[in-house]
C-alpha atoms as a PDB file:
ATOM      1  CA  MET A   1      34.878 -41.340  82.431  1.00  0.00           C
ATOM      2  CA  VAL A   2      38.011 -40.328  81.382  1.00  0.00           C
ATOM      3  CA  PRO A   3      37.464 -36.257  80.682  1.00  0.00           C
ATOM      4  CA  GLY A   4      39.945 -36.376  77.575  1.00  0.00           C
ATOM      5  CA  ASN A   5      37.196 -38.573  76.280  1.00  0.00           C
ATOM      6  CA  ARG A   6      34.116 -36.715  77.407  1.00  0.00           C
ATOM      7  CA  TYR A   7      35.495 -33.691  75.882  1.00  0.00           C
ATOM      8  CA  LEU A   8      36.413 -35.432  72.866  1.00  0.00           C
ATOM      9  CA  LYS A   9      33.081 -36.438  72.369  1.00  0.00           C
ATOM     10  CA  GLU A  10      31.546 -33.122  72.732  1.00  0.00           C
ATOM     11  CA  CYS A  11      33.856 -32.180  70.364  1.00  0.00           C
ATOM     12  CA  ARG A  12      32.829 -34.439  67.602  1.00  0.00           C
ATOM     13  CA  GLY A  13      28.847 -33.427  68.375  1.00  0.00           C
ATOM     14  CA  ILE A  14      29.574 -30.106  67.611  1.00  0.00           C
ATOM     15  CA  ALA A  15      31.200 -30.374  64.645  1.00  0.00           C
ATOM     16  CA  GLU A  16      29.090 -33.032  63.358  1.00  0.00           C
ATOM     17  CA  GLY A  17      26.319 -30.608  63.922  1.00  0.00           C
ATOM     18  CA  THR A  18      28.561 -27.675  62.518  1.00  0.00           C
ATOM     19  CA  VAL A  19      28.822 -30.422  59.207  1.00  0.00           C
ATOM     20  CA  VAL A  20      24.904 -30.953  58.811  1.00  0.00           C
ATOM     21  CA  MET A  21      24.478 -26.989  59.591  1.00  0.00           C
ATOM     22  CA  ARG A  22      26.686 -26.252  56.141  1.00  0.00           C
ATOM     23  CA  PHE A  23      25.123 -28.592  54.213  1.00  0.00           C
ATOM     24  CA  ARG A  24      22.123 -27.195  55.018  1.00  0.00           C
ATOM     25  CA  SER A  25      22.972 -24.088  54.085  1.00  0.00           C
ATOM     26  CA  VAL A  26      24.514 -25.556  50.994  1.00  0.00           C
ATOM     27  CA  GLN A  27      20.890 -27.284  50.267  1.00  0.00           C
ATOM     28  CA  ILE A  28      19.409 -23.830  50.736  1.00  0.00           C
ATOM     29  CA  ALA A  29      21.927 -21.854  48.427  1.00  0.00           C
ATOM     30  CA  ALA A  30      21.490 -23.919  45.473  1.00  0.00           C
ATOM     31  CA  MET A  31      17.405 -24.234  46.141  1.00  0.00           C
ATOM     32  CA  ALA A  32      18.166 -20.096  45.847  1.00  0.00           C
ATOM     33  CA  ILE A  33      20.196 -20.167  42.856  1.00  0.00           C
ATOM     34  CA  LEU A  34      17.895 -23.027  40.444  1.00  0.00           C
ATOM     35  CA  LEU A  35      14.980 -21.108  41.440  1.00  0.00           C
ATOM     36  CA  LEU A  36      16.221 -17.784  40.234  1.00  0.00           C
ATOM     37  CA  ALA A  37      17.598 -19.499  37.255  1.00  0.00           C
ATOM     38  CA  VAL A  38      14.170 -21.273  36.761  1.00  0.00           C
ATOM     39  CA  SER A  39      12.428 -17.369  36.840  1.00  0.00           C
ATOM     40  CA  SER A  40      14.563 -16.204  34.269  1.00  0.00           C
ATOM     41  CA  CYS A  41      14.349 -18.548  32.270  1.00  0.00           C
ATOM     42  CA  GLY A  42      10.534 -18.192  31.690  1.00  0.00           C
ATOM     43  CA  GLY A  43      10.391 -15.020  32.866  1.00  0.00           C
ATOM     44  CA  VAL A  44       9.192 -12.261  30.291  1.00  0.00           C
ATOM     45  CA  GLU A  45       5.326 -12.425  29.782  1.00  0.00           C
ATOM     46  CA  VAL A  46       4.635 -11.339  25.955  1.00  0.00           C
ATOM     47  CA  PRO A  47       2.806  -8.220  25.469  1.00  0.00           C
ATOM     48  CA  ASP A  48      -0.449  -7.895  23.455  1.00  0.00           C
ATOM     49  CA  ALA A  49       0.394  -6.515  19.941  1.00  0.00           C
ATOM     50  CA  VAL A  50      -2.952  -6.713  17.828  1.00  0.00           C
ATOM     51  CA  GLY A  51      -4.412  -4.178  17.041  1.00  0.00           C
ATOM     52  CA  GLU A  52      -1.059  -1.612  16.972  1.00  0.00           C
ATOM     53  CA  ASN A  53       0.549  -0.226  13.899  1.00  0.00           C
ATOM     54  CA  VAL A  54       3.899  -2.317  13.003  1.00  0.00           C
ATOM     55  CA  ASP A  55       6.218   0.130  14.367  1.00  0.00           C
ATOM     56  CA  TYR A  56       4.688   0.946  17.823  1.00  0.00           C
ATOM     57  CA  ALA A  57       4.682  -3.350  18.373  1.00  0.00           C
ATOM     58  CA  ARG A  58       8.139  -3.317  17.603  1.00  0.00           C
ATOM     59  CA  GLY A  59       9.461  -0.680  19.863  1.00  0.00           C
ATOM     60  CA  LEU A  60       6.645  -3.085  22.782  1.00  0.00           C
ATOM     61  CA  LEU A  61       8.436  -6.311  21.743  1.00  0.00           C
ATOM     62  CA  ILE A  62      11.760  -4.984  21.652  1.00  0.00           C
ATOM     63  CA  GLY A  63      11.623  -2.596  24.449  1.00  0.00           C
ATOM     64  CA  ALA A  64       9.904  -6.407  26.574  1.00  0.00           C
ATOM     65  CA  GLY A  65      13.249  -8.115  25.376  1.00  0.00           C
ATOM     66  CA  LEU A  66      11.997  -9.544  22.596  1.00  0.00           C
ATOM     67  CA  GLU A  67      12.983 -10.171  18.423  1.00  0.00           C
ATOM     68  CA  VAL A  68      10.644  -9.176  16.379  1.00  0.00           C
ATOM     69  CA  SER A  69       9.958 -10.825  12.648  1.00  0.00           C
ATOM     70  CA  VAL A  70       7.459  -9.888  10.223  1.00  0.00           C
ATOM     71  CA  GLU A  71       4.843 -11.635   7.956  1.00  0.00           C
ATOM     72  CA  GLU A  72       3.253  -9.434   5.311  1.00  0.00           C
ATOM     73  CA  ASP A  73      -0.433  -9.931   4.547  1.00  0.00           C
ATOM     74  CA  GLU A  74      -2.341  -8.450   1.726  1.00  0.00           C
ATOM     75  CA  GLN A  75      -5.619  -6.677   3.032  1.00  0.00           C
ATOM     76  CA  VAL A  76      -7.816  -4.916   1.167  1.00  0.00           C
ATOM     77  CA  ASP A  77     -10.228  -3.989   4.304  1.00  0.00           C
ATOM     78  CA  VAL A  78      -7.362  -3.997   6.895  1.00  0.00           C
ATOM     79  CA  PRO A  79      -5.772  -0.188   7.163  1.00  0.00           C
ATOM     80  CA  GLU A  80      -1.762  -0.494   6.417  1.00  0.00           C
ATOM     81  CA  GLY A  81       1.188  -1.620   9.094  1.00  0.00           C
ATOM     82  CA  GLN A  82      -1.539  -2.872  11.635  1.00  0.00           C
ATOM     83  CA  VAL A  83      -0.878  -5.928  13.258  1.00  0.00           C
ATOM     84  CA  MET A  84      -3.416  -8.586  12.692  1.00  0.00           C
ATOM     85  CA  SER A  85      -2.254 -11.632  14.989  1.00  0.00           C
ATOM     86  CA  GLN A  86       0.867 -12.804  16.771  1.00  0.00           C
ATOM     87  CA  THR A  87       3.040 -15.811  18.107  1.00  0.00           C
ATOM     88  CA  PRO A  88       3.573 -16.314  20.451  1.00  0.00           C
ATOM     89  CA  ALA A  89       0.564 -15.155  21.517  1.00  0.00           C
ATOM     90  CA  ALA A  90      -0.075 -12.222  23.915  1.00  0.00           C
ATOM     91  CA  GLY A  91       0.540 -13.871  27.773  1.00  0.00           C
ATOM     92  CA  ALA A  92       2.782 -16.288  26.872  1.00  0.00           C
ATOM     93  CA  LYS A  93       5.494 -17.090  29.020  1.00  0.00           C
ATOM     94  CA  ALA A  94       9.044 -17.037  26.738  1.00  0.00           C
ATOM     95  CA  ARG A  95      12.956 -16.045  26.985  1.00  0.00           C
ATOM     96  CA  GLU A  96      14.771 -12.982  26.652  1.00  0.00           C
ATOM     97  CA  GLY A  97      15.844 -13.161  22.931  1.00  0.00           C
ATOM     98  CA  ASP A  98      13.239 -15.248  21.614  1.00  0.00           C
ATOM     99  CA  THR A  99      11.565 -14.185  18.755  1.00  0.00           C
ATOM    100  CA  VAL A 100       7.819 -12.659  18.488  1.00  0.00           C
ATOM    101  CA  THR A 101       6.328 -13.090  14.300  1.00  0.00           C
ATOM    102  CA  LEU A 102       3.861 -10.492  13.836  1.00  0.00           C
ATOM    103  CA  ARG A 103       1.290 -10.849  11.015  1.00  0.00           C
ATOM    104  CA  VAL A 104       0.850  -7.501   9.729  1.00  0.00           C
ATOM    105  CA  ALA A 105      -1.948  -5.813   7.071  1.00  0.00           C
ATOM    106  CA  VAL A 106      -0.308  -3.846   3.746  1.00  0.00           C
ATOM    107  CA  SER A 107      -2.604  -2.708   1.114  1.00  0.00           C
ATOM    108  CA  PRO A 108      -2.481  -4.178  -2.034  1.00  0.00           C
ATOM    109  CA  GLU A 109      -1.123  -2.472  -5.333  1.00  0.00           C
ATOM    110  CA  PHE A 110      -3.548  -2.636  -8.297  1.00  0.00           C
ATOM    111  CA  SER A 111      -3.091  -1.995 -12.021  1.00  0.00           C
ATOM    112  CA  LEU A 112      -4.955   0.121 -14.012  1.00  0.00           C
ATOM    113  CA  LYS A 113      -5.541  -0.344 -17.972  1.00  0.00           C
ATOM    114  CA  GLY A 114      -7.426   1.668 -20.167  1.00  0.00           C
ATOM    115  CA  GLU A 115      -8.443   2.099 -23.859  1.00  0.00           C
ATOM    116  CA  PHE A 116      -8.293   5.771 -24.893  1.00  0.00           C
ATOM    117  CA  THR A 117     -10.551   6.401 -28.692  1.00  0.00           C
ATOM    118  CA  LEU A 118     -10.243   9.623 -29.856  1.00  0.00           C
ATOM    119  CA  LEU A 119     -13.122   9.960 -32.685  1.00  0.00           C
ATOM    120  CA  ASP A 120     -11.478  12.866 -34.411  1.00  0.00           C
ATOM    121  CA  PHE A 121      -8.168  12.923 -35.714  1.00  0.00           C
ATOM    122  CA  ASP A 122      -5.586  13.440 -38.678  1.00  0.00           C
ATOM    123  CA  GLY A 123      -5.534   9.862 -39.679  1.00  0.00           C
ATOM    124  CA  TRP A 124      -2.458   9.793 -42.175  1.00  0.00           C
ATOM    125  CA  SER A 125      -0.482  12.897 -41.111  1.00  0.00           C
ATOM    126  CA  GLY A 126       1.553   9.682 -39.668  1.00  0.00           C
ATOM    127  CA  ASP A 127       2.411   6.916 -37.590  1.00  0.00           C
ATOM    128  CA  PRO A 128       1.299   6.990 -34.936  1.00  0.00           C
ATOM    129  CA  CYS A 129      -2.249   8.221 -35.360  1.00  0.00           C
ATOM    130  CA  SER A 130      -2.546  12.053 -33.224  1.00  0.00           C
ATOM    131  CA  GLY A 131      -5.055  13.531 -33.488  1.00  0.00           C
ATOM    132  CA  ASP A 132      -6.254  17.097 -35.368  1.00  0.00           C
ATOM    133  CA  GLY A 133      -6.891  21.631 -34.480  1.00  0.00           C
ATOM    134  CA  GLY A 134      -8.478  21.034 -31.522  1.00  0.00           C
ATOM    135  CA  TYR A 135      -7.417  18.309 -30.255  1.00  0.00           C
ATOM    136  CA  ASP A 136      -3.545  17.969 -31.623  1.00  0.00           C
ATOM    137  CA  ASP A 137      -2.260  17.299 -28.359  1.00  0.00           C
ATOM    138  CA  ILE A 138      -3.733  13.994 -28.112  1.00  0.00           C
ATOM    139  CA  ARG A 139      -0.986  11.563 -29.218  1.00  0.00           C
ATOM    140  CA  ALA A 140       1.324   9.219 -28.066  1.00  0.00           C
ATOM    141  CA  GLY A 141       3.159   9.793 -24.587  1.00  0.00           C
ATOM    142  CA  LEU A 142       0.485  12.267 -23.518  1.00  0.00           C
ATOM    143  CA  HIS A 143       0.886  12.029 -19.311  1.00  0.00           C
ATOM    144  CA  VAL A 144      -2.337   9.762 -17.328  1.00  0.00           C
ATOM    145  CA  THR A 145      -3.112  11.130 -13.986  1.00  0.00           C
ATOM    146  CA  VAL A 146      -4.894   9.082 -11.846  1.00  0.00           C
ATOM    147  CA  ARG A 147      -5.989  10.677  -8.772  1.00  0.00           C
ATOM    148  CA  ASP A 148      -8.026   9.950  -5.575  1.00  0.00           C
ATOM    149  CA  GLN A 149     -10.855  11.139  -4.051  1.00  0.00           C
ATOM    150  CA  THR A 150      -8.981  14.017  -1.689  1.00  0.00           C
ATOM    151  CA  GLY A 151      -7.173  14.597  -5.543  1.00  0.00           C
ATOM    152  CA  THR A 152      -3.846  13.361  -4.461  1.00  0.00           C
ATOM    153  CA  VAL A 153      -2.224  11.766  -7.316  1.00  0.00           C
ATOM    154  CA  LEU A 154      -1.888   7.926  -6.940  1.00  0.00           C
ATOM    155  CA  GLY A 155       0.403   7.377 -10.083  1.00  0.00           C
ATOM    156  CA  THR A 156       0.617   7.970 -13.816  1.00  0.00           C
ATOM    157  CA  GLY A 157       0.999   6.776 -17.365  1.00  0.00           C
ATOM    158  CA  ALA A 158       1.021   7.662 -20.627  1.00  0.00           C
ATOM    159  CA  LEU A 159      -0.802   7.025 -24.400  1.00  0.00           C
ATOM    160  CA  GLU A 160       0.856   4.476 -26.252  1.00  0.00           C
ATOM    161  CA  GLY A 161       0.984   4.332 -29.815  1.00  0.00           C
ATOM    162  CA  GLY A 162      -2.424   4.600 -31.217  1.00  0.00           C
ATOM    163  CA  THR A 163      -4.442   2.246 -33.733  1.00  0.00           C
ATOM    164  CA  PRO A 164      -5.342   3.860 -36.477  1.00  0.00           C
ATOM    165  CA  LEU A 165      -9.230   3.524 -38.000  1.00  0.00           C
ATOM    166  CA  THR A 166     -11.227   4.691 -40.316  1.00  0.00           C
ATOM    167  CA  ALA A 167     -12.714   7.370 -38.287  1.00  0.00           C
ATOM    168  CA  TRP A 168     -11.222   7.179 -35.568  1.00  0.00           C
ATOM    169  CA  CYS A 169      -7.715   6.345 -33.389  1.00  0.00           C
ATOM    170  CA  THR A 170      -7.353   3.588 -30.501  1.00  0.00           C
ATOM    171  CA  PHE A 171      -4.393   4.132 -27.621  1.00  0.00           C
ATOM    172  CA  THR A 172      -3.960   1.746 -25.050  1.00  0.00           C
ATOM    173  CA  PHE A 173      -2.357   3.088 -21.488  1.00  0.00           C
ATOM    174  CA  THR A 174      -0.953   1.667 -17.612  1.00  0.00           C
ATOM    175  CA  VAL A 175      -0.785   2.758 -14.293  1.00  0.00           C
ATOM    176  CA  ASP A 176       0.809   0.505 -12.313  1.00  0.00           C
ATOM    177  CA  ALA A 177       0.865   0.428  -8.427  1.00  0.00           C
ATOM    178  CA  LEU A 178      -2.482   2.128  -7.114  1.00  0.00           C
ATOM    179  CA  PRO A 179      -2.860   2.028  -3.717  1.00  0.00           C
ATOM    180  CA  LYS A 180      -6.423   1.446  -2.651  1.00  0.00           C
ATOM    181  CA  ALA A 181      -8.843   3.791  -2.275  1.00  0.00           C
ATOM    182  CA  ASP A 182     -12.330   4.704  -2.011  1.00  0.00           C
ATOM    183  CA  PHE A 183     -12.464   6.689  -5.565  1.00  0.00           C
ATOM    184  CA  TYR A 184     -10.761   7.179  -8.680  1.00  0.00           C
ATOM    185  CA  SER A 185     -10.290  10.055 -10.820  1.00  0.00           C
ATOM    186  CA  VAL A 186      -8.637   9.337 -14.210  1.00  0.00           C
ATOM    187  CA  GLU A 187      -7.056  12.013 -16.690  1.00  0.00           C
ATOM    188  CA  VAL A 188      -5.686  12.316 -19.732  1.00  0.00           C
ATOM    189  CA  GLY A 189      -3.785  15.500 -20.542  1.00  0.00           C
ATOM    190  CA  ARG A 190      -6.110  18.346 -19.542  1.00  0.00           C
ATOM    191  CA  ARG A 191      -9.455  16.715 -20.926  1.00  0.00           C
ATOM    192  CA  GLY A 192     -11.244  16.895 -17.980  1.00  0.00           C
ATOM    193  CA  GLU A 193     -11.431  13.835 -15.322  1.00  0.00           C
ATOM    194  CA  LEU A 194     -13.676  10.828 -15.448  1.00  0.00           C
ATOM    195  CA  THR A 195     -14.093   9.066 -11.844  1.00  0.00           C
ATOM    196  CA  TYR A 196     -14.969   5.487 -10.262  1.00  0.00           C
ATOM    197  CA  SER A 197     -15.524   3.846  -7.514  1.00  0.00           C
ATOM    198  CA  PHE A 198     -13.273   1.166  -5.723  1.00  0.00           C
ATOM    199  CA  GLU A 199     -16.593  -1.175  -6.172  1.00  0.00           C
ATOM    200  CA  GLU A 200     -16.790  -0.183 -10.413  1.00  0.00           C
ATOM    201  CA  LEU A 201     -12.910  -0.624 -10.861  1.00  0.00           C
ATOM    202  CA  GLU A 202     -12.936  -4.272  -9.323  1.00  0.00           C
ATOM    203  CA  SER A 203     -16.189  -5.263 -11.449  1.00  0.00           C
ATOM    204  CA  SER A 204     -14.231  -3.956 -14.537  1.00  0.00           C
ATOM    205  CA  GLU A 205     -11.508  -6.191 -13.404  1.00  0.00           C
ATOM    206  CA  TRP A 206      -9.679  -2.529 -12.804  1.00  0.00           C
ATOM    207  CA  THR A 207     -10.506  -1.233 -16.860  1.00  0.00           C
ATOM    208  CA  VAL A 208     -11.526   1.497 -18.462  1.00  0.00           C
ATOM    209  CA  TYR A 209     -12.803   3.066 -21.571  1.00  0.00           C
ATOM    210  CA  LEU A 210     -12.190   6.660 -22.740  1.00  0.00           C
ATOM    211  CA  SER A 211     -13.160   8.603 -25.521  1.00  0.00           C
ATOM    212  CA  LEU A 212     -12.848  11.742 -26.790  1.00  0.00           C
ATOM    213  CA  GLY A 213     -14.512  14.126 -29.271  1.00  0.00           C
ATOM    214  CA  GLY A 214     -17.043  12.781 -32.312  1.00  0.00           C
END
């Protein structure tokens, strides 16, 4: 064999081996990049926010790289702001920046309507009717206050123009946007309070009938 031919063949073999090795290195590098991409695409595990307060839950999810959407649901027996469910569920895989929707409890608001009847009044002193003697503070515009069992004021309203009858005068009033409470105390002016449970007001369709005098 000609020495030059033998040297050429050996060099060719080395070159071919080098090409194969380089090709395999490229393959390995490409696979590593692909695995990294797959891992990063589905690598966020959705935290469990159910049962938490919405503010804490929002921070928990944002901290995991997720966006948050809130849907409010009126609930009488669930604390205000508590997360009742989430979509996607806890433990699901998500991409960074995906949105988790939280269903959050909000307390409903109630509107209290009332009739206040004054049994002693000066029926002919003017229109609308007004109280007489010791009841001369009873007239349209007198404030109505609703408090809870702790004495906290929940809402206020006022007596609306009275309807005079033969021996009494009836006013109406409305107190809006009352939150859920165990008990409600209703006071007209400074004439003392009458207390009702939540269940009592529910059964009366949030209407009360009060009277004074007689």
